[in-house]
Amino acid sequence: MKTELKNDRRTQKTKKQLAAALIELIMEKGYDAITIREIIDRANVGRSTFYSHYESKEQLLVGNINFQQALIEMPDDDPDNYPWGVNVSYLFQHTKEHLALAKALARTKSIELISNHFAELCAAQIYERLKKQLPRRASRAELQTARYKAEAAAGAVVRMLFKWLADGASTSVEKMTDYATHILKSCCDYTR
């Protein structure tokens, strides 16, 4: 048990060092110009240590988008702030708080990887919420419709986030949250 805890702490520390190194390097030279060698040198870890945790710098990036859990973990009893299982207020607020990093990432060749990751996270949450509204023995067509609605809503919100970034994030977080909430409610409304 002690060994597991020690390894767990060591693993957490190593991952934290790698994530911090990646962020520093992104801010210095942009994501696309960074090599794994630079990441491990900055984090002061060996190459084998890096590869024991991640397969690529892309996996390091996606695995350390530090707000992804907060984006989807929320109470079931607060639907106004978490429409359809996505904390859109947190999404825009966190992005605004880390605007320089978000803009740097938005200019990378890996933006598609990042936006797809966000969209998949959001779509999965939305889909789970939509399934709860369906009859217990929902048909394949009903489940497919729920999947389409979840994908459409998530895609729209994520595209809107990145467009907001591209435009300089000048529209207020509150307005963007309202727009995203409206999109989620419109896409996911089962009364239509």
C-alpha atoms as a PDB file:
ATOM      1  CA  MET A   1       0.000   0.000   0.000  1.00  0.00           C
ATOM      2  CA  LYS A   2       2.809   2.432   0.889  1.00  0.00           C
ATOM      3  CA  THR A   3       4.570   1.666  -2.385  1.00  0.00           C
ATOM      4  CA  GLU A   4       1.383   2.337  -4.341  1.00  0.00           C
ATOM      5  CA  LEU A   5       0.900   5.679  -2.574  1.00  0.00           C
ATOM      6  CA  LYS A   6       4.541   6.606  -3.119  1.00  0.00           C
ATOM      7  CA  ASN A   7       4.332   5.659  -6.803  1.00  0.00           C
ATOM      8  CA  ASP A   8       1.054   7.486  -7.111  1.00  0.00           C
ATOM      9  CA  ARG A   9       2.575  10.658  -5.667  1.00  0.00           C
ATOM     10  CA  ARG A  10       5.663  10.255  -7.804  1.00  0.00           C
ATOM     11  CA  THR A  11       3.507   9.765 -10.898  1.00  0.00           C
ATOM     12  CA  GLN A  12       1.422  12.818 -10.064  1.00  0.00           C
ATOM     13  CA  LYS A  13       4.548  14.895  -9.488  1.00  0.00           C
ATOM     14  CA  THR A  14       6.086  13.766 -12.781  1.00  0.00           C
ATOM     15  CA  LYS A  15       2.907  14.465 -14.736  1.00  0.00           C
ATOM     16  CA  LYS A  16       2.641  17.876 -13.105  1.00  0.00           C
ATOM     17  CA  GLN A  17       6.262  18.661 -14.061  1.00  0.00           C
ATOM     18  CA  LEU A  18       5.657  17.582 -17.655  1.00  0.00           C
ATOM     19  CA  ALA A  19       2.461  19.640 -17.901  1.00  0.00           C
ATOM     20  CA  ALA A  20       4.169  22.716 -16.436  1.00  0.00           C
ATOM     21  CA  ALA A  21       7.073  22.320 -18.857  1.00  0.00           C
ATOM     22  CA  LEU A  22       4.686  22.019 -21.785  1.00  0.00           C
ATOM     23  CA  ILE A  23       2.782  25.168 -20.793  1.00  0.00           C
ATOM     24  CA  GLU A  24       5.988  27.173 -20.314  1.00  0.00           C
ATOM     25  CA  LEU A  25       7.273  26.078 -23.709  1.00  0.00           C
ATOM     26  CA  ILE A  26       3.951  26.819 -25.426  1.00  0.00           C
ATOM     27  CA  MET A  27       4.085  30.351 -24.063  1.00  0.00           C
ATOM     28  CA  GLU A  28       7.718  30.764 -25.139  1.00  0.00           C
ATOM     29  CA  LYS A  29       7.742  29.300 -28.621  1.00  0.00           C
ATOM     30  CA  GLY A  30       4.335  27.917 -29.561  1.00  0.00           C
ATOM     31  CA  TYR A  31       3.140  24.329 -29.400  1.00  0.00           C
ATOM     32  CA  ASP A  32       4.094  23.261 -32.918  1.00  0.00           C
ATOM     33  CA  ALA A  33       7.785  24.151 -32.443  1.00  0.00           C
ATOM     34  CA  ILE A  34       8.163  22.138 -29.228  1.00  0.00           C
ATOM     35  CA  THR A  35       9.949  18.794 -29.208  1.00  0.00           C
ATOM     36  CA  ILE A  36       9.650  16.026 -26.659  1.00  0.00           C
ATOM     37  CA  ARG A  37      13.357  16.511 -25.898  1.00  0.00           C
ATOM     38  CA  GLU A  38      12.641  20.124 -24.872  1.00  0.00           C
ATOM     39  CA  ILE A  39       9.715  19.045 -22.695  1.00  0.00           C
ATOM     40  CA  ILE A  40      11.701  16.391 -20.836  1.00  0.00           C
ATOM     41  CA  ASP A  41      14.706  18.685 -20.433  1.00  0.00           C
ATOM     42  CA  ARG A  42      12.511  21.430 -18.989  1.00  0.00           C
ATOM     43  CA  ALA A  43      10.689  18.979 -16.709  1.00  0.00           C
ATOM     44  CA  ASN A  44      13.989  17.341 -15.733  1.00  0.00           C
ATOM     45  CA  VAL A  45      12.765  13.812 -16.451  1.00  0.00           C
ATOM     46  CA  GLY A  46      14.085  11.073 -18.697  1.00  0.00           C
ATOM     47  CA  ARG A  47      12.709  10.069 -22.072  1.00  0.00           C
ATOM     48  CA  SER A  48      11.623   6.655 -20.769  1.00  0.00           C
ATOM     49  CA  THR A  49       9.769   8.379 -17.916  1.00  0.00           C
ATOM     50  CA  PHE A  50       7.927  10.547 -20.429  1.00  0.00           C
ATOM     51  CA  TYR A  51       6.959   7.541 -22.534  1.00  0.00           C
ATOM     52  CA  SER A  52       5.843   5.566 -19.496  1.00  0.00           C
ATOM     53  CA  HIS A  53       3.100   8.181 -19.060  1.00  0.00           C
ATOM     54  CA  TYR A  54       2.412   9.499 -22.573  1.00  0.00           C
ATOM     55  CA  GLU A  55       2.784   8.256 -26.129  1.00  0.00           C
ATOM     56  CA  SER A  56       3.235  11.712 -27.659  1.00  0.00           C
ATOM     57  CA  LYS A  57       3.249  15.407 -26.913  1.00  0.00           C
ATOM     58  CA  GLU A  58      -0.330  15.492 -28.228  1.00  0.00           C
ATOM     59  CA  GLN A  59      -1.379  13.008 -25.566  1.00  0.00           C
ATOM     60  CA  LEU A  60       0.410  15.106 -22.943  1.00  0.00           C
ATOM     61  CA  LEU A  61      -1.455  18.176 -24.161  1.00  0.00           C
ATOM     62  CA  VAL A  62      -4.905  16.601 -24.240  1.00  0.00           C
ATOM     63  CA  GLY A  63      -4.355  14.720 -20.993  1.00  0.00           C
ATOM     64  CA  ASN A  64      -3.471  17.913 -19.188  1.00  0.00           C
ATOM     65  CA  ILE A  65      -6.125  20.288 -20.325  1.00  0.00           C
ATOM     66  CA  ASN A  66      -6.533  21.083 -16.688  1.00  0.00           C
ATOM     67  CA  PHE A  67     -10.158  22.049 -16.607  1.00  0.00           C
ATOM     68  CA  GLN A  68     -11.714  19.158 -18.486  1.00  0.00           C
ATOM     69  CA  GLN A  69     -13.021  17.446 -15.343  1.00  0.00           C
ATOM     70  CA  ALA A  70     -14.542  20.656 -13.975  1.00  0.00           C
ATOM     71  CA  LEU A  71     -16.167  21.176 -17.355  1.00  0.00           C
ATOM     72  CA  ILE A  72     -18.195  18.006 -17.068  1.00  0.00           C
ATOM     73  CA  GLU A  73     -18.429  17.325 -13.325  1.00  0.00           C
ATOM     74  CA  MET A  74     -21.374  19.156 -11.875  1.00  0.00           C
ATOM     75  CA  PRO A  75     -24.361  18.602  -9.646  1.00  0.00           C
ATOM     76  CA  ASP A  76     -27.547  17.246 -11.185  1.00  0.00           C
ATOM     77  CA  ASP A  77     -29.645  19.806  -9.317  1.00  0.00           C
ATOM     78  CA  ASP A  78     -28.267  22.946 -10.999  1.00  0.00           C
ATOM     79  CA  PRO A  79     -29.557  22.823 -14.589  1.00  0.00           C
ATOM     80  CA  ASP A  80     -29.314  26.585 -15.154  1.00  0.00           C
ATOM     81  CA  ASN A  81     -25.544  26.656 -14.703  1.00  0.00           C
ATOM     82  CA  TYR A  82     -24.968  23.223 -16.249  1.00  0.00           C
ATOM     83  CA  PRO A  83     -27.309  22.867 -19.201  1.00  0.00           C
ATOM     84  CA  TRP A  84     -27.243  19.348 -20.566  1.00  0.00           C
ATOM     85  CA  GLY A  85     -24.289  18.326 -18.448  1.00  0.00           C
ATOM     86  CA  VAL A  86     -21.792  20.933 -19.619  1.00  0.00           C
ATOM     87  CA  ASN A  87     -20.566  23.743 -17.392  1.00  0.00           C
ATOM     88  CA  VAL A  88     -20.473  26.376 -20.138  1.00  0.00           C
ATOM     89  CA  SER A  89     -19.936  29.227 -17.700  1.00  0.00           C
ATOM     90  CA  TYR A  90     -16.792  27.537 -16.421  1.00  0.00           C
ATOM     91  CA  LEU A  91     -15.659  26.788 -19.980  1.00  0.00           C
ATOM     92  CA  PHE A  92     -15.713  30.450 -21.000  1.00  0.00           C
ATOM     93  CA  GLN A  93     -14.519  31.809 -17.633  1.00  0.00           C
ATOM     94  CA  HIS A  94     -11.548  29.448 -17.456  1.00  0.00           C
ATOM     95  CA  THR A  95     -10.623  30.186 -21.058  1.00  0.00           C
ATOM     96  CA  LYS A  96     -10.757  33.930 -20.369  1.00  0.00           C
ATOM     97  CA  GLU A  97      -8.586  33.522 -17.248  1.00  0.00           C
ATOM     98  CA  HIS A  98      -5.972  31.661 -19.299  1.00  0.00           C
ATOM     99  CA  LEU A  99      -6.431  33.697 -22.463  1.00  0.00           C
ATOM    100  CA  ALA A 100      -2.778  33.914 -23.515  1.00  0.00           C
ATOM    101  CA  LEU A 101      -2.361  30.140 -23.333  1.00  0.00           C
ATOM    102  CA  ALA A 102      -5.723  29.514 -25.018  1.00  0.00           C
ATOM    103  CA  LYS A 103      -4.822  31.863 -27.875  1.00  0.00           C
ATOM    104  CA  ALA A 104      -1.419  30.221 -28.262  1.00  0.00           C
ATOM    105  CA  LEU A 105      -3.078  26.809 -28.492  1.00  0.00           C
ATOM    106  CA  ALA A 106      -5.719  28.101 -30.906  1.00  0.00           C
ATOM    107  CA  ARG A 107      -2.951  29.041 -33.347  1.00  0.00           C
ATOM    108  CA  THR A 108      -1.418  25.553 -33.434  1.00  0.00           C
ATOM    109  CA  LYS A 109      -1.708  22.828 -36.021  1.00  0.00           C
ATOM    110  CA  SER A 110      -3.115  20.680 -33.220  1.00  0.00           C
ATOM    111  CA  ILE A 111      -6.186  22.881 -32.786  1.00  0.00           C
ATOM    112  CA  GLU A 112      -8.283  20.203 -34.453  1.00  0.00           C
ATOM    113  CA  LEU A 113      -7.083  17.648 -31.898  1.00  0.00           C
ATOM    114  CA  ILE A 114      -7.960  20.020 -29.062  1.00  0.00           C
ATOM    115  CA  SER A 115     -11.366  21.015 -30.430  1.00  0.00           C
ATOM    116  CA  ASN A 116     -12.255  17.390 -31.186  1.00  0.00           C
ATOM    117  CA  HIS A 117     -11.271  16.443 -27.638  1.00  0.00           C
ATOM    118  CA  PHE A 118     -13.534  19.142 -26.174  1.00  0.00           C
ATOM    119  CA  ALA A 119     -16.378  18.236 -28.499  1.00  0.00           C
ATOM    120  CA  GLU A 120     -16.123  14.537 -27.590  1.00  0.00           C
ATOM    121  CA  LEU A 121     -16.107  15.331 -23.868  1.00  0.00           C
ATOM    122  CA  CYS A 122     -19.130  17.600 -24.174  1.00  0.00           C
ATOM    123  CA  ALA A 123     -21.035  15.310 -26.548  1.00  0.00           C
ATOM    124  CA  ALA A 124     -20.625  12.351 -24.193  1.00  0.00           C
ATOM    125  CA  GLN A 125     -22.026  14.367 -21.279  1.00  0.00           C
ATOM    126  CA  ILE A 126     -24.914  15.735 -23.305  1.00  0.00           C
ATOM    127  CA  TYR A 127     -25.748  12.297 -24.679  1.00  0.00           C
ATOM    128  CA  GLU A 128     -25.887  10.802 -21.183  1.00  0.00           C
ATOM    129  CA  ARG A 129     -28.276  13.549 -20.093  1.00  0.00           C
ATOM    130  CA  LEU A 130     -30.442  13.077 -23.184  1.00  0.00           C
ATOM    131  CA  LYS A 131     -30.631   9.318 -22.638  1.00  0.00           C
ATOM    132  CA  LYS A 132     -32.093   9.948 -19.188  1.00  0.00           C
ATOM    133  CA  GLN A 133     -35.053  11.675 -20.852  1.00  0.00           C
ATOM    134  CA  LEU A 134     -35.803   8.734 -23.114  1.00  0.00           C
ATOM    135  CA  PRO A 135     -38.115   5.878 -22.239  1.00  0.00           C
ATOM    136  CA  ARG A 136     -36.420   2.982 -20.483  1.00  0.00           C
ATOM    137  CA  ARG A 137     -36.567   0.854 -23.645  1.00  0.00           C
ATOM    138  CA  ALA A 138     -35.685   3.541 -26.144  1.00  0.00           C
ATOM    139  CA  SER A 139     -35.540   2.484 -29.755  1.00  0.00           C
ATOM    140  CA  ARG A 140     -32.345   2.522 -31.761  1.00  0.00           C
ATOM    141  CA  ALA A 141     -33.722   5.507 -33.692  1.00  0.00           C
ATOM    142  CA  GLU A 142     -34.377   7.442 -30.465  1.00  0.00           C
ATOM    143  CA  LEU A 143     -30.867   6.737 -29.229  1.00  0.00           C
ATOM    144  CA  GLN A 144     -29.402   7.762 -32.583  1.00  0.00           C
ATOM    145  CA  THR A 145     -31.399  11.000 -32.519  1.00  0.00           C
ATOM    146  CA  ALA A 146     -30.049  11.704 -29.033  1.00  0.00           C
ATOM    147  CA  ARG A 147     -26.509  11.065 -30.303  1.00  0.00           C
ATOM    148  CA  TYR A 148     -27.013  13.456 -33.245  1.00  0.00           C
ATOM    149  CA  LYS A 149     -28.388  16.159 -30.965  1.00  0.00           C
ATOM    150  CA  ALA A 150     -25.492  15.728 -28.548  1.00  0.00           C
ATOM    151  CA  GLU A 151     -22.920  15.931 -31.339  1.00  0.00           C
ATOM    152  CA  ALA A 152     -24.589  18.991 -32.888  1.00  0.00           C
ATOM    153  CA  ALA A 153     -24.834  20.845 -29.589  1.00  0.00           C
ATOM    154  CA  ALA A 154     -21.277  20.028 -28.513  1.00  0.00           C
ATOM    155  CA  GLY A 155     -19.868  20.913 -31.912  1.00  0.00           C
ATOM    156  CA  ALA A 156     -21.672  24.238 -31.940  1.00  0.00           C
ATOM    157  CA  VAL A 157     -20.477  25.224 -28.471  1.00  0.00           C
ATOM    158  CA  VAL A 158     -16.869  24.226 -29.164  1.00  0.00           C
ATOM    159  CA  ARG A 159     -16.815  26.030 -32.526  1.00  0.00           C
ATOM    160  CA  MET A 160     -18.273  29.088 -30.828  1.00  0.00           C
ATOM    161  CA  LEU A 161     -15.547  28.945 -28.155  1.00  0.00           C
ATOM    162  CA  PHE A 162     -12.767  28.880 -30.740  1.00  0.00           C
ATOM    163  CA  LYS A 163     -14.397  31.592 -32.853  1.00  0.00           C
ATOM    164  CA  TRP A 164     -14.641  33.726 -29.701  1.00  0.00           C
ATOM    165  CA  LEU A 165     -10.910  33.176 -29.143  1.00  0.00           C
ATOM    166  CA  ALA A 166     -10.099  34.033 -32.756  1.00  0.00           C
ATOM    167  CA  ASP A 167     -12.078  37.265 -32.377  1.00  0.00           C
ATOM    168  CA  GLY A 168     -10.061  38.259 -29.317  1.00  0.00           C
ATOM    169  CA  ALA A 169     -12.517  37.083 -26.636  1.00  0.00           C
ATOM    170  CA  SER A 170     -13.954  40.589 -26.470  1.00  0.00           C
ATOM    171  CA  THR A 171     -17.569  39.514 -25.911  1.00  0.00           C
ATOM    172  CA  SER A 172     -18.242  39.047 -22.202  1.00  0.00           C
ATOM    173  CA  VAL A 173     -18.123  35.625 -20.583  1.00  0.00           C
ATOM    174  CA  GLU A 174     -21.718  36.144 -19.455  1.00  0.00           C
ATOM    175  CA  LYS A 175     -22.950  36.761 -23.012  1.00  0.00           C
ATOM    176  CA  MET A 176     -21.025  33.785 -24.356  1.00  0.00           C
ATOM    177  CA  THR A 177     -22.464  31.619 -21.587  1.00  0.00           C
ATOM    178  CA  ASP A 178     -25.960  32.796 -22.517  1.00  0.00           C
ATOM    179  CA  TYR A 179     -25.351  32.038 -26.210  1.00  0.00           C
ATOM    180  CA  ALA A 180     -23.968  28.583 -25.438  1.00  0.00           C
ATOM    181  CA  THR A 181     -26.816  27.807 -23.046  1.00  0.00           C
ATOM    182  CA  HIS A 182     -29.323  28.820 -25.704  1.00  0.00           C
ATOM    183  CA  ILE A 183     -27.632  26.556 -28.253  1.00  0.00           C
ATOM    184  CA  LEU A 184     -27.614  23.615 -25.857  1.00  0.00           C
ATOM    185  CA  LYS A 185     -31.256  24.055 -24.943  1.00  0.00           C
ATOM    186  CA  SER A 186     -32.302  24.492 -28.591  1.00  0.00           C
ATOM    187  CA  CYS A 187     -30.380  21.474 -29.851  1.00  0.00           C
ATOM    188  CA  CYS A 188     -31.416  19.197 -27.029  1.00  0.00           C
ATOM    189  CA  ASP A 189     -35.082  20.083 -26.660  1.00  0.00           C
ATOM    190  CA  TYR A 190     -37.144  16.908 -27.048  1.00  0.00           C
ATOM    191  CA  THR A 191     -40.440  18.742 -27.398  1.00  0.00           C
ATOM    192  CA  ARG A 192     -39.678  19.563 -31.037  1.00  0.00           C
END
